[in-house]
Structure formats: C-alpha cells, structure tokens
Amino acid sequence: GTAHPITYVATTVVTTGAGRPVRLGEVLGDEPSALRAIAEAVEEQSGPVDTDGLEPEEKNFAAWQTTRDGMRFSLQYYQLGGHGQRSYTVPWRTMRPLLSAYGTGLLDPDVDPSSC
C-alpha cells in the first residue's frame, strides 16, 4: 500500500546430493579475506556508493548464486545507499582463488568435483 514498496531478494543454494542449503561461508576459503575481495569487486562495478553495505560480513552477500560467468550477488534495497535492488557478478577469475576446496568442487563450472 505504499508509494514505493520494498522488495527483498533471498536465494538458497542447495546441493543435489545432500539436499541441504549451502552457506557462503562454507564455500569460501578464508572468509574475512574473501568477503573483502568480493566487496572490492562489487564496488569496482557499482561506482560511487555508500560502502557501509559492503562491509565484509556474510549478511551483506548472503543472496548469491552461480552463473557461467561467476558468482552473482544480489544486494538489498538501500544497501548501497540508493533506491533499488542491484546485482553484481564477480567473475570466476576473481572468485576461484577465494574458494575453499569444497567450494571449488561444488561451484566452479570448469572443475571436475571428483578432483577436489
């Protein structure tokens, strides 16, 4: 009923083998360093924004999914200070060094999972 309703994006990544949700922290190697690198990659794509929404906290990047091009992070309304939702894809060349062995085997489209 408001003039500008706010929507929210939530994603759930589920393994087909175990049928359980996968958290971002499980697929990242060194989570604090990886979140900082993801934040930097998003900031490069987004231009000038309110960087409070890019603090290296899992909650800021919790809505994610993989694509052939990389990992896409959907940010919430006002997360970067402006109106509207935004999505940014961090390319695999950036993501690969940030992944744990589990994350590489599960997510990287160019890796045979049995090799991890």
Protein backbone atom coordinates (compact mmCIF):
# COMPACT_ATOMS: atom_id res chain seq x y z
CA GLY A 1 0.00 0.00 0.00
CA THR A 2 2.95 2.41 -0.07
CA ALA A 3 4.12 4.56 -2.96
CA HIS A 4 7.47 2.77 -3.05
CA PRO A 5 7.14 -0.79 -1.81
CA ILE A 6 10.38 -2.51 -1.00
CA THR A 7 11.14 -5.99 -2.19
CA TYR A 8 13.72 -8.34 -0.79
CA VAL A 9 15.88 -10.93 -2.51
CA ALA A 10 16.72 -14.20 -0.86
CA THR A 11 18.45 -17.11 -2.52
CA THR A 12 19.10 -20.64 -1.38
CA VAL A 13 21.81 -22.76 -2.89
CA VAL A 14 21.11 -26.45 -2.31
CA THR A 15 23.34 -29.42 -3.05
CA THR A 16 21.58 -32.03 -5.13
CA GLY A 17 23.47 -34.87 -3.45
CA ALA A 18 22.81 -33.99 0.18
CA GLY A 19 19.77 -31.79 -0.43
CA ARG A 20 20.85 -29.24 2.13
CA PRO A 21 21.42 -25.49 1.93
CA VAL A 22 24.94 -24.22 1.35
CA ARG A 23 26.09 -21.10 3.17
CA LEU A 24 28.52 -18.67 1.62
CA GLY A 25 30.97 -19.20 4.48
CA GLU A 26 31.22 -22.88 3.57
CA VAL A 27 32.42 -22.24 0.03
CA LEU A 28 34.94 -19.51 0.83
CA GLY A 29 38.46 -20.37 1.93
CA ASP A 30 39.47 -17.51 4.22
CA GLU A 31 36.04 -15.94 4.75
CA PRO A 32 37.10 -12.47 6.01
CA SER A 33 39.64 -12.01 3.19
CA ALA A 34 37.24 -13.39 0.60
CA LEU A 35 34.42 -11.08 1.69
CA ARG A 36 36.76 -8.09 1.44
CA ALA A 37 37.75 -9.14 -2.10
CA ILE A 38 34.11 -9.62 -3.09
CA ALA A 39 33.25 -6.20 -1.67
CA GLU A 40 36.07 -4.61 -3.68
CA ALA A 41 34.90 -6.32 -6.87
CA VAL A 42 31.32 -5.13 -6.32
CA GLU A 43 32.48 -1.60 -5.54
CA GLU A 44 34.50 -1.50 -8.79
CA GLN A 45 31.35 -2.40 -10.73
CA SER A 46 28.94 -0.18 -8.82
CA GLY A 47 30.80 3.10 -8.87
CA PRO A 48 30.39 5.60 -6.00
CA VAL A 49 28.15 4.10 -3.35
CA ASP A 50 27.60 4.05 0.39
CA THR A 51 30.21 1.47 1.27
CA ASP A 52 28.63 0.57 4.64
CA GLY A 53 26.61 -2.03 2.71
CA LEU A 54 29.85 -3.60 1.51
CA GLU A 55 31.31 -4.33 4.93
CA PRO A 56 32.93 -7.79 4.85
CA GLU A 57 30.06 -9.53 6.63
CA GLU A 58 28.31 -12.62 5.28
CA LYS A 59 24.88 -10.99 5.68
CA ASN A 60 25.82 -8.34 3.08
CA PHE A 61 26.45 -11.02 0.44
CA ALA A 62 24.03 -13.73 1.61
CA ALA A 63 21.87 -13.61 -1.55
CA TRP A 64 24.13 -15.30 -4.08
CA GLN A 65 24.02 -17.79 -6.89
CA THR A 66 26.40 -19.07 -9.51
CA THR A 67 26.28 -18.33 -13.21
CA ARG A 68 28.51 -19.42 -16.06
CA ASP A 69 30.30 -16.05 -15.74
CA GLY A 70 30.86 -16.06 -11.98
CA MET A 71 29.02 -15.62 -8.70
CA ARG A 72 26.16 -13.15 -8.74
CA PHE A 73 25.41 -11.26 -5.54
CA SER A 74 22.01 -9.60 -5.17
CA LEU A 75 22.07 -6.64 -2.83
CA GLN A 76 19.04 -5.34 -0.99
CA TYR A 77 17.20 -2.04 -1.37
CA TYR A 78 19.26 0.82 0.02
CA GLN A 79 22.18 -1.49 0.84
CA LEU A 80 24.46 0.78 -1.17
CA GLY A 81 22.65 3.94 -0.19
CA GLY A 82 20.47 4.34 -3.26
CA HIS A 83 16.98 3.26 -4.18
CA GLY A 84 16.53 -0.09 -5.89
CA GLN A 85 17.98 -3.54 -5.87
CA ARG A 86 21.23 -4.30 -7.61
CA SER A 87 23.02 -7.46 -8.67
CA TYR A 88 26.70 -7.80 -9.45
CA THR A 89 28.54 -10.75 -10.93
CA VAL A 90 32.05 -11.34 -9.62
CA PRO A 91 33.87 -13.24 -12.39
CA TRP A 92 35.30 -16.71 -11.83
CA ARG A 93 38.84 -15.41 -12.35
CA THR A 94 38.31 -13.32 -9.19
CA MET A 95 36.29 -15.93 -7.28
CA ARG A 96 38.46 -19.02 -7.89
CA PRO A 97 41.29 -18.03 -5.51
CA LEU A 98 38.71 -17.17 -2.82
CA LEU A 99 37.01 -20.57 -2.76
CA SER A 100 37.70 -23.46 -0.42
CA ALA A 101 38.34 -26.91 -1.93
CA TYR A 102 34.70 -27.72 -1.14
CA GLY A 103 33.52 -24.53 -2.86
CA THR A 104 35.67 -25.17 -5.91
CA GLY A 105 34.35 -28.70 -6.35
CA LEU A 106 30.77 -27.65 -5.75
CA LEU A 107 30.57 -24.37 -7.66
CA ASP A 108 33.32 -23.87 -10.24
CA PRO A 109 31.89 -24.88 -13.63
CA ASP A 110 35.34 -25.68 -15.01
CA VAL A 111 36.39 -28.11 -12.27
CA ASP A 112 35.55 -31.80 -12.01
CA PRO A 113 34.11 -32.16 -8.47
CA SER A 114 35.75 -35.56 -8.03
CA SER A 115 39.16 -33.88 -8.25
CA CYS A 116 38.57 -31.81 -5.08
